[in-house]
Amino acid sequence: MVAKALAETLGHDLPDIGDDTRLFEDLSLDSTSILGLMVNLEDALEIEIDPDSISEEHFATFGSLTGFLLEAAGAEPAAG
């Protein structure tokens, strides 16, 4: 779901992405697209994200964003 929300936000299909894919450098995410991404993610995951809980580190990589979203949704991140 996270990859789908990223693709919708960026307006194009994404290449193969992994946990180490950098959102800004590799996918060209920018500060403007972050707002749209957060709205798409909240809708897709049916959660509400507290803007005060978001930091730049959460958007470093696909893996860090996914981990943040799992935490925001109240799920435990998978070990490994």
PDB file of N, CA and C in Angstrom:
ATOM      1  N   MET A   1       0.809  -1.209   0.000  1.00  0.00           N
ATOM      2  CA  MET A   1       0.000   0.000   0.000  1.00  0.00           C
ATOM      3  C   MET A   1       0.846   1.264   0.000  1.00  0.00           C
ATOM      4  N   VAL A   2       1.981   1.205   0.684  1.00  0.00           N
ATOM      5  CA  VAL A   2       2.853   2.379   0.741  1.00  0.00           C
ATOM      6  C   VAL A   2       3.403   2.681  -0.644  1.00  0.00           C
ATOM      7  N   ALA A   3       3.849   1.647  -1.350  1.00  0.00           N
ATOM      8  CA  ALA A   3       4.382   1.845  -2.700  1.00  0.00           C
ATOM      9  C   ALA A   3       3.300   2.405  -3.633  1.00  0.00           C
ATOM     10  N   LYS A   4       2.080   1.905  -3.500  1.00  0.00           N
ATOM     11  CA  LYS A   4       0.976   2.397  -4.336  1.00  0.00           C
ATOM     12  C   LYS A   4       0.702   3.875  -4.052  1.00  0.00           C
ATOM     13  N   ALA A   5       0.697   4.257  -2.769  1.00  0.00           N
ATOM     14  CA  ALA A   5       0.481   5.656  -2.402  1.00  0.00           C
ATOM     15  C   ALA A   5       1.609   6.540  -2.931  1.00  0.00           C
ATOM     16  N   LEU A   6       2.837   6.036  -2.896  1.00  0.00           N
ATOM     17  CA  LEU A   6       3.961   6.791  -3.461  1.00  0.00           C
ATOM     18  C   LEU A   6       3.778   6.992  -4.958  1.00  0.00           C
ATOM     19  N   ALA A   7       3.400   5.922  -5.659  1.00  0.00           N
ATOM     20  CA  ALA A   7       3.202   6.014  -7.106  1.00  0.00           C
ATOM     21  C   ALA A   7       2.088   7.003  -7.438  1.00  0.00           C
ATOM     22  N   GLU A   8       0.992   6.968  -6.691  1.00  0.00           N
ATOM     23  CA  GLU A   8      -0.111   7.903  -6.926  1.00  0.00           C
ATOM     24  C   GLU A   8       0.331   9.335  -6.671  1.00  0.00           C
ATOM     25  N   THR A   9       1.101   9.545  -5.621  1.00  0.00           N
ATOM     26  CA  THR A   9       1.567  10.881  -5.281  1.00  0.00           C
ATOM     27  C   THR A   9       2.502  11.434  -6.347  1.00  0.00           C
ATOM     28  N   LEU A  10       3.406  10.590  -6.813  1.00  0.00           N
ATOM     29  CA  LEU A  10       4.397  11.027  -7.793  1.00  0.00           C
ATOM     30  C   LEU A  10       3.854  11.037  -9.218  1.00  0.00           C
ATOM     31  N   GLY A  11       2.728  10.364  -9.435  1.00  0.00           N
ATOM     32  CA  GLY A  11       2.094  10.380 -10.743  1.00  0.00           C
ATOM     33  C   GLY A  11       2.721   9.446 -11.769  1.00  0.00           C
ATOM     34  N   HIS A  12       3.469   8.445 -11.312  1.00  0.00           N
ATOM     35  CA  HIS A  12       4.045   7.475 -12.238  1.00  0.00           C
ATOM     36  C   HIS A  12       4.373   6.180 -11.499  1.00  0.00           C
ATOM     37  N   ASP A  13       4.490   5.101 -12.299  1.00  0.00           N
ATOM     38  CA  ASP A  13       4.867   3.822 -11.714  1.00  0.00           C
ATOM     39  C   ASP A  13       6.264   3.926 -11.141  1.00  0.00           C
ATOM     40  N   LEU A  14       6.514   3.159 -10.098  1.00  0.00           N
ATOM     41  CA  LEU A  14       7.825   3.183  -9.460  1.00  0.00           C
ATOM     42  C   LEU A  14       8.662   2.012  -9.935  1.00  0.00           C
ATOM     43  N   PRO A  15       9.970   2.226  -9.999  1.00  0.00           N
ATOM     44  CA  PRO A  15      10.844   1.087 -10.280  1.00  0.00           C
ATOM     45  C   PRO A  15      10.807   0.155  -9.071  1.00  0.00           C
ATOM     46  N   ASP A  16      11.470  -0.974  -9.187  1.00  0.00           N
ATOM     47  CA  ASP A  16      11.546  -1.876  -8.032  1.00  0.00           C
ATOM     48  C   ASP A  16      12.116  -1.111  -6.862  1.00  0.00           C
ATOM     49  N   ILE A  17      11.387  -1.097  -5.758  1.00  0.00           N
ATOM     50  CA  ILE A  17      11.873  -0.389  -4.587  1.00  0.00           C
ATOM     51  C   ILE A  17      12.056  -1.372  -3.445  1.00  0.00           C
ATOM     52  N   GLY A  18      12.998  -1.058  -2.590  1.00  0.00           N
ATOM     53  CA  GLY A  18      13.266  -1.869  -1.413  1.00  0.00           C
ATOM     54  C   GLY A  18      13.389  -0.970  -0.198  1.00  0.00           C
ATOM     55  N   ASP A  19      13.630  -1.578   0.935  1.00  0.00           N
ATOM     56  CA  ASP A  19      13.715  -0.809   2.178  1.00  0.00           C
ATOM     57  C   ASP A  19      14.781   0.278   2.131  1.00  0.00           C
ATOM     58  N   ASP A  20      15.826   0.080   1.332  1.00  0.00           N
ATOM     59  CA  ASP A  20      16.910   1.056   1.282  1.00  0.00           C
ATOM     60  C   ASP A  20      16.746   2.101   0.182  1.00  0.00           C
ATOM     61  N   THR A  21      15.623   2.058  -0.549  1.00  0.00           N
ATOM     62  CA  THR A  21      15.365   3.064  -1.580  1.00  0.00           C
ATOM     63  C   THR A  21      15.168   4.425  -0.917  1.00  0.00           C
ATOM     64  N   ARG A  22      15.957   5.392  -1.358  1.00  0.00           N
ATOM     65  CA  ARG A  22      15.885   6.740  -0.786  1.00  0.00           C
ATOM     66  C   ARG A  22      14.747   7.514  -1.461  1.00  0.00           C
ATOM     67  N   LEU A  23      13.867   8.063  -0.651  1.00  0.00           N
ATOM     68  CA  LEU A  23      12.670   8.711  -1.196  1.00  0.00           C
ATOM     69  C   LEU A  23      12.989   9.988  -1.961  1.00  0.00           C
ATOM     70  N   PHE A  24      13.856  10.813  -1.430  1.00  0.00           N
ATOM     71  CA  PHE A  24      14.167  12.077  -2.097  1.00  0.00           C
ATOM     72  C   PHE A  24      15.134  11.872  -3.258  1.00  0.00           C
ATOM     73  N   GLU A  25      16.218  11.162  -3.025  1.00  0.00           N
ATOM     74  CA  GLU A  25      17.248  11.010  -4.041  1.00  0.00           C
ATOM     75  C   GLU A  25      16.859  10.045  -5.150  1.00  0.00           C
ATOM     76  N   ASP A  26      16.286   8.893  -4.799  1.00  0.00           N
ATOM     77  CA  ASP A  26      15.988   7.867  -5.789  1.00  0.00           C
ATOM     78  C   ASP A  26      14.615   8.033  -6.446  1.00  0.00           C
ATOM     79  N   LEU A  27      13.637   8.525  -5.703  1.00  0.00           N
ATOM     80  CA  LEU A  27      12.273   8.639  -6.227  1.00  0.00           C
ATOM     81  C   LEU A  27      11.854  10.071  -6.519  1.00  0.00           C
ATOM     82  N   SER A  28      12.724  11.026  -6.238  1.00  0.00           N
ATOM     83  CA  SER A  28      12.463  12.453  -6.498  1.00  0.00           C
ATOM     84  C   SER A  28      11.281  13.009  -5.716  1.00  0.00           C
ATOM     85  N   LEU A  29      11.048  12.472  -4.520  1.00  0.00           N
ATOM     86  CA  LEU A  29      10.038  13.048  -3.631  1.00  0.00           C
ATOM     87  C   LEU A  29      10.541  14.426  -3.212  1.00  0.00           C
ATOM     88  N   ASP A  30       9.642  15.386  -3.084  1.00  0.00           N
ATOM     89  CA  ASP A  30      10.048  16.710  -2.615  1.00  0.00           C
ATOM     90  C   ASP A  30       9.114  17.166  -1.501  1.00  0.00           C
ATOM     91  N   SER A  31       9.414  18.307  -0.926  1.00  0.00           N
ATOM     92  CA  SER A  31       8.648  18.762   0.233  1.00  0.00           C
ATOM     93  C   SER A  31       7.175  18.963  -0.088  1.00  0.00           C
ATOM     94  N   THR A  32       6.867  19.363  -1.304  1.00  0.00           N
ATOM     95  CA  THR A  32       5.479  19.555  -1.699  1.00  0.00           C
ATOM     96  C   THR A  32       4.744  18.215  -1.793  1.00  0.00           C
ATOM     97  N   SER A  33       5.414  17.214  -2.330  1.00  0.00           N
ATOM     98  CA  SER A  33       4.766  15.922  -2.509  1.00  0.00           C
ATOM     99  C   SER A  33       4.578  15.172  -1.192  1.00  0.00           C
ATOM    100  N   ILE A  34       5.308  15.565  -0.153  1.00  0.00           N
ATOM    101  CA  ILE A  34       5.147  14.919   1.159  1.00  0.00           C
ATOM    102  C   ILE A  34       3.713  15.094   1.665  1.00  0.00           C
ATOM    103  N   LEU A  35       3.157  16.279   1.522  1.00  0.00           N
ATOM    104  CA  LEU A  35       1.795  16.530   1.993  1.00  0.00           C
ATOM    105  C   LEU A  35       0.797  15.625   1.274  1.00  0.00           C
ATOM    106  N   GLY A  36       0.910  15.547  -0.037  1.00  0.00           N
ATOM    107  CA  GLY A  36       0.027  14.673  -0.795  1.00  0.00           C
ATOM    108  C   GLY A  36       0.210  13.214  -0.422  1.00  0.00           C
ATOM    109  N   LEU A  37       1.455  12.815  -0.204  1.00  0.00           N
ATOM    110  CA  LEU A  37       1.735  11.441   0.193  1.00  0.00           C
ATOM    111  C   LEU A  37       1.086  11.119   1.523  1.00  0.00           C
ATOM    112  N   MET A  38       1.178  12.020   2.473  1.00  0.00           N
ATOM    113  CA  MET A  38       0.599  11.768   3.794  1.00  0.00           C
ATOM    114  C   MET A  38      -0.918  11.630   3.698  1.00  0.00           C
ATOM    115  N   VAL A  39      -1.561  12.442   2.895  1.00  0.00           N
ATOM    116  CA  VAL A  39      -3.014  12.331   2.707  1.00  0.00           C
ATOM    117  C   VAL A  39      -3.350  10.990   2.062  1.00  0.00           C
ATOM    118  N   ASN A  40      -2.602  10.608   1.016  1.00  0.00           N
ATOM    119  CA  ASN A  40      -2.834   9.323   0.357  1.00  0.00           C
ATOM    120  C   ASN A  40      -2.636   8.162   1.321  1.00  0.00           C
ATOM    121  N   LEU A  41      -1.609   8.236   2.154  1.00  0.00           N
ATOM    122  CA  LEU A  41      -1.332   7.154   3.102  1.00  0.00           C
ATOM    123  C   LEU A  41      -2.409   7.061   4.182  1.00  0.00           C
ATOM    124  N   GLU A  42      -2.840   8.210   4.675  1.00  0.00           N
ATOM    125  CA  GLU A  42      -3.903   8.202   5.685  1.00  0.00           C
ATOM    126  C   GLU A  42      -5.170   7.562   5.120  1.00  0.00           C
ATOM    127  N   ASP A  43      -5.502   7.892   3.879  1.00  0.00           N
ATOM    128  CA  ASP A  43      -6.685   7.318   3.244  1.00  0.00           C
ATOM    129  C   ASP A  43      -6.510   5.820   3.002  1.00  0.00           C
ATOM    130  N   ALA A  44      -5.361   5.438   2.461  1.00  0.00           N
ATOM    131  CA  ALA A  44      -5.132   4.032   2.115  1.00  0.00           C
ATOM    132  C   ALA A  44      -5.063   3.140   3.349  1.00  0.00           C
ATOM    133  N   LEU A  45      -4.442   3.640   4.411  1.00  0.00           N
ATOM    134  CA  LEU A  45      -4.244   2.832   5.611  1.00  0.00           C
ATOM    135  C   LEU A  45      -5.323   3.061   6.667  1.00  0.00           C
ATOM    136  N   GLU A  46      -6.208   4.007   6.388  1.00  0.00           N
ATOM    137  CA  GLU A  46      -7.284   4.361   7.319  1.00  0.00           C
ATOM    138  C   GLU A  46      -6.747   4.674   8.711  1.00  0.00           C
ATOM    139  N   ILE A  47      -5.729   5.548   8.722  1.00  0.00           N
ATOM    140  CA  ILE A  47      -5.144   6.009   9.975  1.00  0.00           C
ATOM    141  C   ILE A  47      -5.060   7.522   9.930  1.00  0.00           C
ATOM    142  N   GLU A  48      -4.834   8.114  11.085  1.00  0.00           N
ATOM    143  CA  GLU A  48      -4.588   9.553  11.169  1.00  0.00           C
ATOM    144  C   GLU A  48      -3.184   9.736  11.705  1.00  0.00           C
ATOM    145  N   ILE A  49      -2.386  10.505  10.980  1.00  0.00           N
ATOM    146  CA  ILE A  49      -0.995  10.722  11.356  1.00  0.00           C
ATOM    147  C   ILE A  49      -0.869  12.099  11.977  1.00  0.00           C
ATOM    148  N   ASP A  50      -0.334  12.145  13.183  1.00  0.00           N
ATOM    149  CA  ASP A  50      -0.109  13.408  13.876  1.00  0.00           C
ATOM    150  C   ASP A  50       1.065  14.121  13.209  1.00  0.00           C
ATOM    151  N   PRO A  51       0.835  15.289  12.608  1.00  0.00           N
ATOM    152  CA  PRO A  51       1.919  16.008  11.939  1.00  0.00           C
ATOM    153  C   PRO A  51       3.113  16.292  12.853  1.00  0.00           C
ATOM    154  N   ASP A  52       2.865  16.437  14.143  1.00  0.00           N
ATOM    155  CA  ASP A  52       3.958  16.711  15.070  1.00  0.00           C
ATOM    156  C   ASP A  52       4.847  15.488  15.296  1.00  0.00           C
ATOM    157  N   SER A  53       4.367  14.310  14.899  1.00  0.00           N
ATOM    158  CA  SER A  53       5.154  13.091  15.101  1.00  0.00           C
ATOM    159  C   SER A  53       6.066  12.794  13.914  1.00  0.00           C
ATOM    160  N   ILE A  54       5.949  13.576  12.856  1.00  0.00           N
ATOM    161  CA  ILE A  54       6.719  13.339  11.637  1.00  0.00           C
ATOM    162  C   ILE A  54       8.052  14.069  11.705  1.00  0.00           C
ATOM    163  N   SER A  55       9.103  13.339  11.327  1.00  0.00           N
ATOM    164  CA  SER A  55      10.423  13.984  11.234  1.00  0.00           C
ATOM    165  C   SER A  55      11.040  13.648   9.880  1.00  0.00           C
ATOM    166  N   GLU A  56      12.055  14.373   9.530  1.00  0.00           N
ATOM    167  CA  GLU A  56      12.750  14.165   8.269  1.00  0.00           C
ATOM    168  C   GLU A  56      13.285  12.740   8.154  1.00  0.00           C
ATOM    169  N   GLU A  57      13.686  12.169   9.263  1.00  0.00           N
ATOM    170  CA  GLU A  57      14.233  10.803   9.274  1.00  0.00           C
ATOM    171  C   GLU A  57      13.216   9.776   8.786  1.00  0.00           C
ATOM    172  N   HIS A  58      11.933  10.024   9.010  1.00  0.00           N
ATOM    173  CA  HIS A  58      10.901   9.087   8.565  1.00  0.00           C
ATOM    174  C   HIS A  58      10.837   8.982   7.053  1.00  0.00           C
ATOM    175  N   PHE A  59      11.326   9.992   6.358  1.00  0.00           N
ATOM    176  CA  PHE A  59      11.279  10.029   4.898  1.00  0.00           C
ATOM    177  C   PHE A  59      12.629   9.782   4.258  1.00  0.00           C
ATOM    178  N   ALA A  60      13.569   9.249   5.011  1.00  0.00           N
ATOM    179  CA  ALA A  60      14.894   8.975   4.458  1.00  0.00           C
ATOM    180  C   ALA A  60      14.833   7.850   3.426  1.00  0.00           C
ATOM    181  N   THR A  61      14.179   6.761   3.780  1.00  0.00           N
ATOM    182  CA  THR A  61      14.095   5.603   2.888  1.00  0.00           C
ATOM    183  C   THR A  61      12.688   5.018   2.915  1.00  0.00           C
ATOM    184  N   PHE A  62      12.434   4.139   1.977  1.00  0.00           N
ATOM    185  CA  PHE A  62      11.151   3.437   1.949  1.00  0.00           C
ATOM    186  C   PHE A  62      10.965   2.645   3.241  1.00  0.00           C
ATOM    187  N   GLY A  63      12.025   2.037   3.719  1.00  0.00           N
ATOM    188  CA  GLY A  63      11.963   1.257   4.953  1.00  0.00           C
ATOM    189  C   GLY A  63      11.671   2.109   6.171  1.00  0.00           C
ATOM    190  N   SER A  64      12.277   3.295   6.258  1.00  0.00           N
ATOM    191  CA  SER A  64      12.019   4.155   7.418  1.00  0.00           C
ATOM    192  C   SER A  64      10.587   4.683   7.394  1.00  0.00           C
ATOM    193  N   LEU A  65      10.064   4.964   6.217  1.00  0.00           N
ATOM    194  CA  LEU A  65       8.678   5.415   6.103  1.00  0.00           C
ATOM    195  C   LEU A  65       7.720   4.298   6.494  1.00  0.00           C
ATOM    196  N   THR A  66       7.986   3.097   6.001  1.00  0.00           N
ATOM    197  CA  THR A  66       7.137   1.955   6.333  1.00  0.00           C
ATOM    198  C   THR A  66       7.150   1.684   7.835  1.00  0.00           C
ATOM    199  N   GLY A  67       8.322   1.742   8.449  1.00  0.00           N
ATOM    200  CA  GLY A  67       8.427   1.546   9.895  1.00  0.00           C
ATOM    201  C   GLY A  67       7.644   2.592  10.669  1.00  0.00           C
ATOM    202  N   PHE A  68       7.734   3.842  10.238  1.00  0.00           N
ATOM    203  CA  PHE A  68       6.990   4.921  10.881  1.00  0.00           C
ATOM    204  C   PHE A  68       5.487   4.680  10.767  1.00  0.00           C
ATOM    205  N   LEU A  69       5.040   4.249   9.588  1.00  0.00           N
ATOM    206  CA  LEU A  69       3.612   4.014   9.379  1.00  0.00           C
ATOM    207  C   LEU A  69       3.104   2.851  10.219  1.00  0.00           C
ATOM    208  N   LEU A  70       3.908   1.808  10.337  1.00  0.00           N
ATOM    209  CA  LEU A  70       3.527   0.686  11.197  1.00  0.00           C
ATOM    210  C   LEU A  70       3.374   1.162  12.646  1.00  0.00           C
ATOM    211  N   GLU A  71       4.302   1.983  13.072  1.00  0.00           N
ATOM    212  CA  GLU A  71       4.234   2.537  14.429  1.00  0.00           C
ATOM    213  C   GLU A  71       2.998   3.416  14.598  1.00  0.00           C
ATOM    214  N   ALA A  72       2.732   4.255  13.596  1.00  0.00           N
ATOM    215  CA  ALA A  72       1.576   5.151  13.660  1.00  0.00           C
ATOM    216  C   ALA A  72       0.266   4.375  13.672  1.00  0.00           C
ATOM    217  N   ALA A  73       0.264   3.215  13.015  1.00  0.00           N
ATOM    218  CA  ALA A  73      -0.933   2.390  12.959  1.00  0.00           C
ATOM    219  C   ALA A  73      -1.050   1.482  14.185  1.00  0.00           C
ATOM    220  N   GLY A  74      -0.026   1.495  15.026  1.00  0.00           N
ATOM    221  CA  GLY A  74      -0.054   0.698  16.239  1.00  0.00           C
ATOM    222  C   GLY A  74       0.399  -0.735  16.048  1.00  0.00           C
ATOM    223  N   ALA A  75       1.077  -1.005  14.921  1.00  0.00           N
ATOM    224  CA  ALA A  75       1.580  -2.359  14.650  1.00  0.00           C
ATOM    225  C   ALA A  75       3.043  -2.460  15.043  1.00  0.00           C
ATOM    226  N   GLU A  76       3.471  -3.650  15.335  1.00  0.00           N
ATOM    227  CA  GLU A  76       4.867  -3.876  15.651  1.00  0.00           C
ATOM    228  C   GLU A  76       5.616  -4.120  14.353  1.00  0.00           C
ATOM    229  N   PRO A  77       6.766  -3.444  14.135  1.00  0.00           N
ATOM    230  CA  PRO A  77       7.541  -3.701  12.928  1.00  0.00           C
ATOM    231  C   PRO A  77       8.067  -5.134  12.924  1.00  0.00           C
ATOM    232  N   ALA A  78       8.179  -5.705  11.739  1.00  0.00           N
ATOM    233  CA  ALA A  78       8.675  -7.077  11.621  1.00  0.00           C
ATOM    234  C   ALA A  78      10.166  -7.110  11.941  1.00  0.00           C
ATOM    235  N   ALA A  79      10.593  -8.140  12.643  1.00  0.00           N
ATOM    236  CA  ALA A  79      12.010  -8.298  12.955  1.00  0.00           C
ATOM    237  C   ALA A  79      12.746  -8.733  11.700  1.00  0.00           C
ATOM    238  N   GLY A  80      14.018  -8.338  11.625  1.00  0.00           N
ATOM    239  CA  GLY A  80      14.790  -8.816  10.504  1.00  0.00           C
ATOM    240  C   GLY A  80      15.416  -7.715   9.835  1.00  0.00           C
TER     241      GLY A  80
END
